[in-house]
Amino acid sequence: MASAVCSGGPHNGISCTMLERAKILKSLNDTSRRLVLAACASLLAYVTSPAIAQQDTQPGGQIQVADLNLGGNAMQDLFSQLASKDLSPVEAHFAGLSFVADGKLIEPANRQGFLAKITPELLQHYELILFINKSNSGPFAQRLIWLKPGDPNDHSKPWESMKIWKVSTGRERQEKEAFTTTPPGIFNLQPTRQIKDYRARLYKGAAMPYAVFLDYRTITRTGYGIAFHATGATGRLGSRASGGCIRLNMKNARNLFETLRADYRGRVPVMEMAANGKWNLEGRMAYDERGLPIMVNGLKALVIIEESDNLVASAQ
């Protein structure tokens, strides 16, 4: 079996090169990624233990993973599989989600945005992505882009734009009723909250025709009032103008509402609850005790909202 090597004594730092590269290998699913992190923790605990510190304090000392007892054959098999992969620089580079729009390939410029956090394992469960750039400037600022898979058999490849619409997102300032922000993140849509004639509770019953709500929860609340909906203030589309929702003109809002309900019903993964008791916003799926993603009936459309000044556009 190929062995991973942690080089350097505990007083000189530890470099688990293979494991560090494996953590960003996109072919691993989330369950395997968690096992890798757990394995790293076990290795660190082992090689920094007092017993090992006494035996291996010389620079350049090596501890073979194959010689460690990390909890049975399952962990050893994982290391063997990882060691057998060709972790080329291309594979090791973060990928995230890229898409083609206006004849250009659009990619995340760094790891900070939500586009860069999307995994192939998550993407395989969706047939539509609704990407909103809530920035005031830069590529596709204040736009909603409909994206479909570029390759129906491989959702990790660049997606393709179907429609690009002007929107208005939150004004991003403290106001009397609330801070008027559109939350950045990765969201499902609430399967039972598509309401044709909705009125806002917060803004004196303001009309929100063709409302489609984001699935954005806490432990104590089943959903916040952030939605796609139509607006009469069409002259403000293309700029920040809402109380936090994503505003569309009436024709586009109706199109989105009807298309989602007619064409995109299906099973989707549940998102994981974060430590603070709120829905995590990075698209991390929840898993059952068997290590399988928890699936529910919903809409097979994933919403990604971010302030994307960090997009890179290149000729296709």
C-alpha atoms as a PDB file:
ATOM      1  CA  MET A   1       0.000   0.000   0.000  1.00  0.00           C
ATOM      2  CA  ALA A   2       1.274   3.477  -0.828  1.00  0.00           C
ATOM      3  CA  SER A   3       2.045   5.440   2.308  1.00  0.00           C
ATOM      4  CA  ALA A   4       1.469   9.077   3.087  1.00  0.00           C
ATOM      5  CA  VAL A   5       4.334  10.683   4.979  1.00  0.00           C
ATOM      6  CA  CYS A   6       4.235  13.415   7.596  1.00  0.00           C
ATOM      7  CA  SER A   7       7.771  14.812   7.621  1.00  0.00           C
ATOM      8  CA  GLY A   8       9.486  16.835  10.288  1.00  0.00           C
ATOM      9  CA  GLY A   9       9.491  16.309  14.047  1.00  0.00           C
ATOM     10  CA  PRO A  10       6.772  17.860  16.211  1.00  0.00           C
ATOM     11  CA  HIS A  11       9.064  20.730  17.167  1.00  0.00           C
ATOM     12  CA  ASN A  12       9.723  21.639  13.554  1.00  0.00           C
ATOM     13  CA  GLY A  13       6.136  21.671  12.231  1.00  0.00           C
ATOM     14  CA  ILE A  14       4.295  18.979  10.321  1.00  0.00           C
ATOM     15  CA  SER A  15       3.758  18.917   6.560  1.00  0.00           C
ATOM     16  CA  CYS A  16       1.076  16.451   5.423  1.00  0.00           C
ATOM     17  CA  THR A  17       1.451  17.391   1.761  1.00  0.00           C
ATOM     18  CA  MET A  18      -0.727  14.668   0.309  1.00  0.00           C
ATOM     19  CA  LEU A  19      -3.509  15.334   2.774  1.00  0.00           C
ATOM     20  CA  GLU A  20      -3.398  19.086   2.257  1.00  0.00           C
ATOM     21  CA  ARG A  21      -3.767  18.563  -1.494  1.00  0.00           C
ATOM     22  CA  ALA A  22      -6.482  15.961  -1.005  1.00  0.00           C
ATOM     23  CA  LYS A  23      -8.619  18.428   0.953  1.00  0.00           C
ATOM     24  CA  ILE A  24      -9.117  20.509  -2.169  1.00  0.00           C
ATOM     25  CA  LEU A  25      -9.403  17.634  -4.633  1.00  0.00           C
ATOM     26  CA  LYS A  26     -12.735  18.186  -6.326  1.00  0.00           C
ATOM     27  CA  SER A  27     -13.337  14.533  -7.149  1.00  0.00           C
ATOM     28  CA  LEU A  28     -13.816  13.706  -3.469  1.00  0.00           C
ATOM     29  CA  ASN A  29     -17.348  13.901  -2.149  1.00  0.00           C
ATOM     30  CA  ASP A  30     -18.190  15.723   1.080  1.00  0.00           C
ATOM     31  CA  THR A  31     -18.213  12.533   3.138  1.00  0.00           C
ATOM     32  CA  SER A  32     -14.692  11.593   2.019  1.00  0.00           C
ATOM     33  CA  ARG A  33     -13.535  15.144   2.623  1.00  0.00           C
ATOM     34  CA  ARG A  34     -14.737  14.914   6.213  1.00  0.00           C
ATOM     35  CA  LEU A  35     -12.884  11.620   6.660  1.00  0.00           C
ATOM     36  CA  VAL A  36      -9.715  13.272   5.386  1.00  0.00           C
ATOM     37  CA  LEU A  37     -10.053  16.050   7.943  1.00  0.00           C
ATOM     38  CA  ALA A  38     -10.675  13.505  10.674  1.00  0.00           C
ATOM     39  CA  ALA A  39      -7.609  11.570   9.540  1.00  0.00           C
ATOM     40  CA  CYS A  40      -5.510  14.743   9.652  1.00  0.00           C
ATOM     41  CA  ALA A  41      -6.692  15.371  13.193  1.00  0.00           C
ATOM     42  CA  SER A  42      -5.756  11.815  14.167  1.00  0.00           C
ATOM     43  CA  LEU A  43      -2.323  12.189  12.606  1.00  0.00           C
ATOM     44  CA  LEU A  44      -1.676  15.483  14.334  1.00  0.00           C
ATOM     45  CA  ALA A  45      -2.795  14.084  17.678  1.00  0.00           C
ATOM     46  CA  TYR A  46      -0.544  11.080  17.195  1.00  0.00           C
ATOM     47  CA  VAL A  47       2.651  12.761  16.071  1.00  0.00           C
ATOM     48  CA  THR A  48       2.394  15.536  18.665  1.00  0.00           C
ATOM     49  CA  SER A  49       1.750  13.150  21.554  1.00  0.00           C
ATOM     50  CA  PRO A  50       4.370  13.100  24.350  1.00  0.00           C
ATOM     51  CA  ALA A  51       5.446   9.551  23.501  1.00  0.00           C
ATOM     52  CA  ILE A  52       6.193  10.409  19.889  1.00  0.00           C
ATOM     53  CA  ALA A  53       7.793  13.730  20.835  1.00  0.00           C
ATOM     54  CA  GLN A  54      10.381  11.819  22.864  1.00  0.00           C
ATOM     55  CA  GLN A  55      11.111   9.359  20.036  1.00  0.00           C
ATOM     56  CA  ASP A  56      11.187  11.708  17.044  1.00  0.00           C
ATOM     57  CA  THR A  57      12.665  15.130  17.634  1.00  0.00           C
ATOM     58  CA  GLN A  58      15.192  15.181  14.821  1.00  0.00           C
ATOM     59  CA  PRO A  59      14.581  17.389  11.772  1.00  0.00           C
ATOM     60  CA  GLY A  60      13.546  15.306   8.785  1.00  0.00           C
ATOM     61  CA  GLY A  61      12.204  12.414  10.853  1.00  0.00           C
ATOM     62  CA  GLN A  62       9.407  10.487   9.167  1.00  0.00           C
ATOM     63  CA  ILE A  63       6.331   8.679  10.410  1.00  0.00           C
ATOM     64  CA  GLN A  64       4.691   6.293   7.949  1.00  0.00           C
ATOM     65  CA  VAL A  65       0.887   6.331   7.856  1.00  0.00           C
ATOM     66  CA  ALA A  66       0.974   2.618   7.067  1.00  0.00           C
ATOM     67  CA  ASP A  67       2.563   2.063  10.494  1.00  0.00           C
ATOM     68  CA  LEU A  68      -0.113   3.976  12.431  1.00  0.00           C
ATOM     69  CA  ASN A  69      -3.200   2.498  14.044  1.00  0.00           C
ATOM     70  CA  LEU A  70      -5.897   4.968  12.971  1.00  0.00           C
ATOM     71  CA  GLY A  71      -8.965   2.918  13.676  1.00  0.00           C
ATOM     72  CA  GLY A  72      -9.082  -0.052  11.362  1.00  0.00           C
ATOM     73  CA  ASN A  73      -9.021  -0.970   7.718  1.00  0.00           C
ATOM     74  CA  ALA A  74     -11.508   1.695   6.609  1.00  0.00           C
ATOM     75  CA  MET A  75      -9.098   4.540   7.346  1.00  0.00           C
ATOM     76  CA  GLN A  76      -6.165   2.678   5.816  1.00  0.00           C
ATOM     77  CA  ASP A  77      -8.237   2.044   2.677  1.00  0.00           C
ATOM     78  CA  LEU A  78      -9.021   5.749   2.439  1.00  0.00           C
ATOM     79  CA  PHE A  79      -5.348   6.663   2.591  1.00  0.00           C
ATOM     80  CA  SER A  80      -4.585   4.035  -0.024  1.00  0.00           C
ATOM     81  CA  GLN A  81      -7.206   5.476  -2.375  1.00  0.00           C
ATOM     82  CA  LEU A  82      -5.949   9.016  -1.855  1.00  0.00           C
ATOM     83  CA  ALA A  83      -2.345   8.022  -2.419  1.00  0.00           C
ATOM     84  CA  SER A  84      -3.276   6.336  -5.699  1.00  0.00           C
ATOM     85  CA  LYS A  85      -4.855   9.503  -7.158  1.00  0.00           C
ATOM     86  CA  ASP A  86      -2.913  11.741  -9.505  1.00  0.00           C
ATOM     87  CA  LEU A  87      -3.182  15.071  -7.707  1.00  0.00           C
ATOM     88  CA  SER A  88      -2.072  17.211 -10.623  1.00  0.00           C
ATOM     89  CA  PRO A  89      -1.901  20.998 -10.273  1.00  0.00           C
ATOM     90  CA  VAL A  90      -5.040  21.326 -12.412  1.00  0.00           C
ATOM     91  CA  GLU A  91      -7.014  19.028 -10.125  1.00  0.00           C
ATOM     92  CA  ALA A  92      -5.650  20.698  -7.026  1.00  0.00           C
ATOM     93  CA  HIS A  93      -6.748  24.174  -8.196  1.00  0.00           C
ATOM     94  CA  PHE A  94     -10.111  25.150  -6.787  1.00  0.00           C
ATOM     95  CA  ALA A  95     -12.841  25.077  -9.403  1.00  0.00           C
ATOM     96  CA  GLY A  96     -16.208  26.058  -7.996  1.00  0.00           C
ATOM     97  CA  LEU A  97     -18.830  27.020 -10.561  1.00  0.00           C
ATOM     98  CA  SER A  98     -17.984  28.636 -13.894  1.00  0.00           C
ATOM     99  CA  PHE A  99     -20.437  29.588 -16.613  1.00  0.00           C
ATOM    100  CA  VAL A 100     -20.641  31.004 -20.108  1.00  0.00           C
ATOM    101  CA  ALA A 101     -22.545  34.269 -20.606  1.00  0.00           C
ATOM    102  CA  ASP A 102     -22.425  36.794 -23.435  1.00  0.00           C
ATOM    103  CA  GLY A 103     -19.825  34.630 -25.165  1.00  0.00           C
ATOM    104  CA  LYS A 104     -17.408  34.791 -22.229  1.00  0.00           C
ATOM    105  CA  LEU A 105     -16.338  32.239 -19.653  1.00  0.00           C
ATOM    106  CA  ILE A 106     -17.084  33.647 -16.190  1.00  0.00           C
ATOM    107  CA  GLU A 107     -15.099  32.209 -13.290  1.00  0.00           C
ATOM    108  CA  PRO A 108     -14.502  33.089  -9.632  1.00  0.00           C
ATOM    109  CA  ALA A 109     -11.224  34.980  -9.278  1.00  0.00           C
ATOM    110  CA  ASN A 110     -10.495  33.646  -5.769  1.00  0.00           C
ATOM    111  CA  ARG A 111     -11.748  31.322  -3.067  1.00  0.00           C
ATOM    112  CA  GLN A 112     -13.704  33.944  -1.158  1.00  0.00           C
ATOM    113  CA  GLY A 113     -16.971  34.066  -3.101  1.00  0.00           C
ATOM    114  CA  PHE A 114     -19.807  31.561  -3.082  1.00  0.00           C
ATOM    115  CA  LEU A 115     -19.271  30.529  -6.702  1.00  0.00           C
ATOM    116  CA  ALA A 116     -15.909  29.114  -5.626  1.00  0.00           C
ATOM    117  CA  LYS A 117     -17.519  27.076  -2.825  1.00  0.00           C
ATOM    118  CA  ILE A 118     -19.880  25.108  -5.076  1.00  0.00           C
ATOM    119  CA  THR A 119     -18.993  21.394  -5.292  1.00  0.00           C
ATOM    120  CA  PRO A 120     -19.773  18.938  -8.101  1.00  0.00           C
ATOM    121  CA  GLU A 121     -21.539  16.777  -5.529  1.00  0.00           C
ATOM    122  CA  LEU A 122     -24.010  19.585  -4.816  1.00  0.00           C
ATOM    123  CA  LEU A 123     -24.440  20.596  -8.460  1.00  0.00           C
ATOM    124  CA  GLN A 124     -25.495  17.113  -9.564  1.00  0.00           C
ATOM    125  CA  HIS A 125     -28.830  17.549  -7.750  1.00  0.00           C
ATOM    126  CA  TYR A 126     -29.932  20.643  -9.724  1.00  0.00           C
ATOM    127  CA  GLU A 127     -31.080  21.430 -13.239  1.00  0.00           C
ATOM    128  CA  LEU A 128     -31.154  25.225 -12.907  1.00  0.00           C
ATOM    129  CA  ILE A 129     -29.005  27.806 -11.162  1.00  0.00           C
ATOM    130  CA  LEU A 130     -30.264  31.319 -10.465  1.00  0.00           C
ATOM    131  CA  PHE A 131     -27.162  33.464  -9.968  1.00  0.00           C
ATOM    132  CA  ILE A 132     -27.607  37.004  -8.641  1.00  0.00           C
ATOM    133  CA  ASN A 133     -24.762  39.498  -8.502  1.00  0.00           C
ATOM    134  CA  LYS A 134     -25.879  42.064  -5.932  1.00  0.00           C
ATOM    135  CA  SER A 135     -22.861  44.303  -6.524  1.00  0.00           C
ATOM    136  CA  ASN A 136     -23.324  47.888  -7.716  1.00  0.00           C
ATOM    137  CA  SER A 137     -20.536  47.519 -10.265  1.00  0.00           C
ATOM    138  CA  GLY A 138     -18.499  44.973 -12.178  1.00  0.00           C
ATOM    139  CA  PRO A 139     -19.539  42.089 -14.481  1.00  0.00           C
ATOM    140  CA  PHE A 140     -23.287  41.451 -14.409  1.00  0.00           C
ATOM    141  CA  ALA A 141     -23.933  43.831 -11.497  1.00  0.00           C
ATOM    142  CA  GLN A 142     -27.585  43.799 -10.413  1.00  0.00           C
ATOM    143  CA  ARG A 143     -28.380  40.954 -12.774  1.00  0.00           C
ATOM    144  CA  LEU A 144     -30.095  37.590 -12.418  1.00  0.00           C
ATOM    145  CA  ILE A 145     -28.609  34.930 -14.711  1.00  0.00           C
ATOM    146  CA  TRP A 146     -30.424  31.681 -15.444  1.00  0.00           C
ATOM    147  CA  LEU A 147     -27.906  28.885 -15.878  1.00  0.00           C
ATOM    148  CA  LYS A 148     -28.397  25.381 -17.268  1.00  0.00           C
ATOM    149  CA  PRO A 149     -25.820  22.553 -17.287  1.00  0.00           C
ATOM    150  CA  GLY A 150     -23.402  22.852 -20.183  1.00  0.00           C
ATOM    151  CA  ASP A 151     -23.077  19.065 -20.121  1.00  0.00           C
ATOM    152  CA  PRO A 152     -26.164  17.224 -18.801  1.00  0.00           C
ATOM    153  CA  ASN A 153     -23.957  14.266 -17.869  1.00  0.00           C
ATOM    154  CA  ASP A 154     -21.307  16.290 -16.018  1.00  0.00           C
ATOM    155  CA  HIS A 155     -22.524  19.227 -13.948  1.00  0.00           C
ATOM    156  CA  SER A 156     -18.965  20.101 -12.917  1.00  0.00           C
ATOM    157  CA  LYS A 157     -18.300  21.514 -16.396  1.00  0.00           C
ATOM    158  CA  PRO A 158     -19.124  25.168 -17.178  1.00  0.00           C
ATOM    159  CA  TRP A 159     -22.826  25.960 -17.145  1.00  0.00           C
ATOM    160  CA  GLU A 160     -24.512  28.080 -19.827  1.00  0.00           C
ATOM    161  CA  SER A 161     -26.666  31.183 -19.477  1.00  0.00           C
ATOM    162  CA  MET A 162     -30.274  30.989 -20.656  1.00  0.00           C
ATOM    163  CA  LYS A 163     -31.505  34.444 -19.646  1.00  0.00           C
ATOM    164  CA  ILE A 164     -29.971  37.562 -18.114  1.00  0.00           C
ATOM    165  CA  TRP A 165     -32.362  39.961 -16.385  1.00  0.00           C
ATOM    166  CA  LYS A 166     -31.988  43.261 -14.567  1.00  0.00           C
ATOM    167  CA  VAL A 167     -32.917  43.079 -10.880  1.00  0.00           C
ATOM    168  CA  SER A 168     -32.927  45.275  -7.821  1.00  0.00           C
ATOM    169  CA  THR A 169     -31.462  43.862  -4.622  1.00  0.00           C
ATOM    170  CA  GLY A 170     -31.351  45.381  -1.118  1.00  0.00           C
ATOM    171  CA  ARG A 171     -30.399  49.003  -0.499  1.00  0.00           C
ATOM    172  CA  GLU A 172     -27.749  47.766   2.007  1.00  0.00           C
ATOM    173  CA  ARG A 173     -28.370  50.345   4.709  1.00  0.00           C
ATOM    174  CA  GLN A 174     -30.005  50.634   8.107  1.00  0.00           C
ATOM    175  CA  GLU A 175     -33.584  51.849   7.810  1.00  0.00           C
ATOM    176  CA  LYS A 176     -36.473  52.229  10.207  1.00  0.00           C
ATOM    177  CA  GLU A 177     -37.901  48.762   9.620  1.00  0.00           C
ATOM    178  CA  ALA A 178     -34.674  46.792   9.196  1.00  0.00           C
ATOM    179  CA  PHE A 179     -31.237  46.641   7.615  1.00  0.00           C
ATOM    180  CA  THR A 180     -32.149  46.366   3.946  1.00  0.00           C
ATOM    181  CA  THR A 181     -29.740  43.674   2.809  1.00  0.00           C
ATOM    182  CA  THR A 182     -30.030  40.823   0.355  1.00  0.00           C
ATOM    183  CA  PRO A 183     -28.193  37.957   2.086  1.00  0.00           C
ATOM    184  CA  PRO A 184     -25.307  36.480   0.104  1.00  0.00           C
ATOM    185  CA  GLY A 185     -25.140  32.708   0.079  1.00  0.00           C
ATOM    186  CA  ILE A 186     -26.236  29.447  -1.537  1.00  0.00           C
ATOM    187  CA  PHE A 187     -29.925  28.632  -1.128  1.00  0.00           C
ATOM    188  CA  ASN A 188     -32.676  26.229  -2.008  1.00  0.00           C
ATOM    189  CA  LEU A 189     -36.134  27.628  -2.720  1.00  0.00           C
ATOM    190  CA  GLN A 190     -38.929  26.960  -0.237  1.00  0.00           C
ATOM    191  CA  PRO A 191     -41.049  24.238  -1.867  1.00  0.00           C
ATOM    192  CA  THR A 192     -44.377  25.495  -0.495  1.00  0.00           C
ATOM    193  CA  ARG A 193     -43.836  29.255  -0.648  1.00  0.00           C
ATOM    194  CA  GLN A 194     -44.532  30.334  -4.193  1.00  0.00           C
ATOM    195  CA  ILE A 195     -47.390  32.789  -3.782  1.00  0.00           C
ATOM    196  CA  LYS A 196     -48.961  34.632  -6.695  1.00  0.00           C
ATOM    197  CA  ASP A 197     -50.551  37.501  -4.724  1.00  0.00           C
ATOM    198  CA  TYR A 198     -48.322  37.950  -1.688  1.00  0.00           C
ATOM    199  CA  ARG A 199     -48.171  41.076   0.485  1.00  0.00           C
ATOM    200  CA  ALA A 200     -45.233  41.995   2.701  1.00  0.00           C
ATOM    201  CA  ARG A 201     -45.752  41.889   6.459  1.00  0.00           C
ATOM    202  CA  LEU A 202     -42.948  44.345   7.195  1.00  0.00           C
ATOM    203  CA  TYR A 203     -43.609  47.093   4.668  1.00  0.00           C
ATOM    204  CA  LYS A 204     -47.262  47.947   5.346  1.00  0.00           C
ATOM    205  CA  GLY A 205     -48.629  45.196   3.169  1.00  0.00           C
ATOM    206  CA  ALA A 206     -46.658  46.147   0.060  1.00  0.00           C
ATOM    207  CA  ALA A 207     -47.533  43.991  -2.936  1.00  0.00           C
ATOM    208  CA  MET A 208     -45.044  41.251  -3.877  1.00  0.00           C
ATOM    209  CA  PRO A 209     -46.661  39.573  -6.934  1.00  0.00           C
ATOM    210  CA  TYR A 210     -45.352  36.162  -8.003  1.00  0.00           C
ATOM    211  CA  ALA A 211     -43.267  35.746  -4.854  1.00  0.00           C
ATOM    212  CA  VAL A 212     -40.838  32.794  -4.715  1.00  0.00           C
ATOM    213  CA  PHE A 213     -39.129  32.572  -1.322  1.00  0.00           C
ATOM    214  CA  LEU A 214     -35.608  31.474  -0.465  1.00  0.00           C
ATOM    215  CA  ASP A 215     -35.189  28.618   1.992  1.00  0.00           C
ATOM    216  CA  TYR A 216     -33.318  30.565   4.658  1.00  0.00           C
ATOM    217  CA  ARG A 217     -33.968  29.268   8.158  1.00  0.00           C
ATOM    218  CA  THR A 218     -32.998  29.237  11.793  1.00  0.00           C
ATOM    219  CA  ILE A 219     -33.861  26.596  14.371  1.00  0.00           C
ATOM    220  CA  THR A 220     -36.841  28.662  15.564  1.00  0.00           C
ATOM    221  CA  ARG A 221     -38.044  30.090  12.219  1.00  0.00           C
ATOM    222  CA  THR A 222     -39.057  28.183   9.124  1.00  0.00           C
ATOM    223  CA  GLY A 223     -38.169  30.965   6.723  1.00  0.00           C
ATOM    224  CA  TYR A 224     -37.284  34.589   6.257  1.00  0.00           C
ATOM    225  CA  GLY A 225     -39.146  36.909   3.923  1.00  0.00           C
ATOM    226  CA  ILE A 226     -36.492  37.094   1.186  1.00  0.00           C
ATOM    227  CA  ALA A 227     -38.049  36.378  -2.195  1.00  0.00           C
ATOM    228  CA  PHE A 228     -37.995  36.941  -5.922  1.00  0.00           C
ATOM    229  CA  HIS A 229     -41.041  39.046  -6.809  1.00  0.00           C
ATOM    230  CA  ALA A 230     -42.417  41.595  -9.241  1.00  0.00           C
ATOM    231  CA  THR A 231     -42.159  45.339  -8.694  1.00  0.00           C
ATOM    232  CA  GLY A 232     -43.812  48.412 -10.104  1.00  0.00           C
ATOM    233  CA  ALA A 233     -40.577  50.365  -9.685  1.00  0.00           C
ATOM    234  CA  THR A 234     -39.128  49.095 -12.947  1.00  0.00           C
ATOM    235  CA  GLY A 235     -37.092  52.276 -13.475  1.00  0.00           C
ATOM    236  CA  ARG A 236     -34.892  51.245 -10.545  1.00  0.00           C
ATOM    237  CA  LEU A 237     -34.087  47.806 -11.912  1.00  0.00           C
ATOM    238  CA  GLY A 238     -30.339  47.486 -12.389  1.00  0.00           C
ATOM    239  CA  SER A 239     -29.617  49.268  -9.101  1.00  0.00           C
ATOM    240  CA  ARG A 240     -29.976  48.592  -5.380  1.00  0.00           C
ATOM    241  CA  ALA A 241     -33.525  49.569  -4.495  1.00  0.00           C
ATOM    242  CA  SER A 242     -35.308  46.865  -2.468  1.00  0.00           C
ATOM    243  CA  GLY A 243     -35.789  46.096   1.183  1.00  0.00           C
ATOM    244  CA  GLY A 244     -33.811  42.882   0.667  1.00  0.00           C
ATOM    245  CA  CYS A 245     -35.827  40.911  -1.881  1.00  0.00           C
ATOM    246  CA  ILE A 246     -34.830  40.381  -5.504  1.00  0.00           C
ATOM    247  CA  ARG A 247     -37.132  42.548  -7.607  1.00  0.00           C
ATOM    248  CA  LEU A 248     -38.060  41.766 -11.210  1.00  0.00           C
ATOM    249  CA  ASN A 249     -40.366  43.334 -13.738  1.00  0.00           C
ATOM    250  CA  MET A 250     -43.839  41.787 -13.866  1.00  0.00           C
ATOM    251  CA  LYS A 251     -43.259  39.732 -17.022  1.00  0.00           C
ATOM    252  CA  ASN A 252     -40.021  38.199 -15.749  1.00  0.00           C
ATOM    253  CA  ALA A 253     -41.373  37.520 -12.258  1.00  0.00           C
ATOM    254  CA  ARG A 254     -44.349  35.671 -13.717  1.00  0.00           C
ATOM    255  CA  ASN A 255     -42.058  33.733 -16.074  1.00  0.00           C
ATOM    256  CA  LEU A 256     -39.824  32.635 -13.186  1.00  0.00           C
ATOM    257  CA  PHE A 257     -42.791  31.747 -10.972  1.00  0.00           C
ATOM    258  CA  GLU A 258     -44.548  29.633 -13.591  1.00  0.00           C
ATOM    259  CA  THR A 259     -41.428  27.966 -14.988  1.00  0.00           C
ATOM    260  CA  LEU A 260     -40.195  26.813 -11.591  1.00  0.00           C
ATOM    261  CA  ARG A 261     -43.549  25.314 -10.673  1.00  0.00           C
ATOM    262  CA  ALA A 262     -44.033  23.613 -14.032  1.00  0.00           C
ATOM    263  CA  ASP A 263     -40.555  22.319 -14.893  1.00  0.00           C
ATOM    264  CA  TYR A 264     -38.315  22.062 -11.844  1.00  0.00           C
ATOM    265  CA  ARG A 265     -40.075  20.051  -9.168  1.00  0.00           C
ATOM    266  CA  GLY A 266     -38.013  17.207  -7.740  1.00  0.00           C
ATOM    267  CA  ARG A 267     -35.844  15.925  -4.917  1.00  0.00           C
ATOM    268  CA  VAL A 268     -33.146  18.226  -3.569  1.00  0.00           C
ATOM    269  CA  PRO A 269     -30.661  17.971  -0.696  1.00  0.00           C
ATOM    270  CA  VAL A 270     -31.320  19.608   2.657  1.00  0.00           C
ATOM    271  CA  MET A 271     -28.698  22.162   3.667  1.00  0.00           C
ATOM    272  CA  GLU A 272     -26.811  21.702   6.908  1.00  0.00           C
ATOM    273  CA  MET A 273     -27.616  23.759  10.011  1.00  0.00           C
ATOM    274  CA  ALA A 274     -24.667  25.895  11.139  1.00  0.00           C
ATOM    275  CA  ALA A 275     -23.293  26.011  14.673  1.00  0.00           C
ATOM    276  CA  ASN A 276     -25.063  29.329  15.350  1.00  0.00           C
ATOM    277  CA  GLY A 277     -28.453  27.700  14.767  1.00  0.00           C
ATOM    278  CA  LYS A 278     -28.953  29.196  11.320  1.00  0.00           C
ATOM    279  CA  TRP A 279     -28.942  27.628   7.872  1.00  0.00           C
ATOM    280  CA  ASN A 280     -25.360  27.526   6.620  1.00  0.00           C
ATOM    281  CA  LEU A 281     -24.912  29.721   3.567  1.00  0.00           C
ATOM    282  CA  GLU A 282     -22.101  27.812   1.836  1.00  0.00           C
ATOM    283  CA  GLY A 283     -24.102  24.991   0.271  1.00  0.00           C
ATOM    284  CA  ARG A 284     -23.030  22.259   2.700  1.00  0.00           C
ATOM    285  CA  MET A 285     -25.432  19.343   2.487  1.00  0.00           C
ATOM    286  CA  ALA A 286     -26.858  17.559   5.538  1.00  0.00           C
ATOM    287  CA  TYR A 287     -26.227  13.809   5.804  1.00  0.00           C
ATOM    288  CA  ASP A 288     -28.007  10.966   7.571  1.00  0.00           C
ATOM    289  CA  GLU A 289     -26.387   8.360   9.819  1.00  0.00           C
ATOM    290  CA  ARG A 290     -25.465   6.275   6.756  1.00  0.00           C
ATOM    291  CA  GLY A 291     -23.496   9.156   5.260  1.00  0.00           C
ATOM    292  CA  LEU A 292     -26.086   9.799   2.543  1.00  0.00           C
ATOM    293  CA  PRO A 293     -27.432  13.280   1.731  1.00  0.00           C
ATOM    294  CA  ILE A 294     -30.858  13.997   3.217  1.00  0.00           C
ATOM    295  CA  MET A 295     -33.254  14.631   0.335  1.00  0.00           C
ATOM    296  CA  VAL A 296     -36.670  16.329   0.307  1.00  0.00           C
ATOM    297  CA  ASN A 297     -39.263  17.345  -2.264  1.00  0.00           C
ATOM    298  CA  GLY A 298     -38.496  20.802  -3.596  1.00  0.00           C
ATOM    299  CA  LEU A 299     -37.483  22.773  -6.651  1.00  0.00           C
ATOM    300  CA  LYS A 300     -34.371  21.659  -8.528  1.00  0.00           C
ATOM    301  CA  ALA A 301     -33.153  25.239  -8.797  1.00  0.00           C
ATOM    302  CA  LEU A 302     -30.204  26.424  -6.738  1.00  0.00           C
ATOM    303  CA  VAL A 303     -29.915  30.126  -5.880  1.00  0.00           C
ATOM    304  CA  ILE A 304     -26.487  31.748  -5.538  1.00  0.00           C
ATOM    305  CA  ILE A 305     -26.292  35.355  -4.346  1.00  0.00           C
ATOM    306  CA  GLU A 306     -23.058  37.233  -3.950  1.00  0.00           C
ATOM    307  CA  GLU A 307     -21.406  40.575  -4.332  1.00  0.00           C
ATOM    308  CA  SER A 308     -19.264  39.475  -7.216  1.00  0.00           C
ATOM    309  CA  ASP A 309     -16.558  42.009  -7.837  1.00  0.00           C
ATOM    310  CA  ASN A 310     -14.240  38.983  -7.981  1.00  0.00           C
ATOM    311  CA  LEU A 311     -15.433  37.498 -11.265  1.00  0.00           C
ATOM    312  CA  VAL A 312     -13.005  36.875 -14.115  1.00  0.00           C
ATOM    313  CA  ALA A 313     -14.294  37.001 -17.701  1.00  0.00           C
ATOM    314  CA  SER A 314     -12.314  35.519 -20.581  1.00  0.00           C
ATOM    315  CA  ALA A 315     -13.067  34.968 -24.262  1.00  0.00           C
ATOM    316  CA  GLN A 316     -14.796  31.668 -24.950  1.00  0.00           C
END
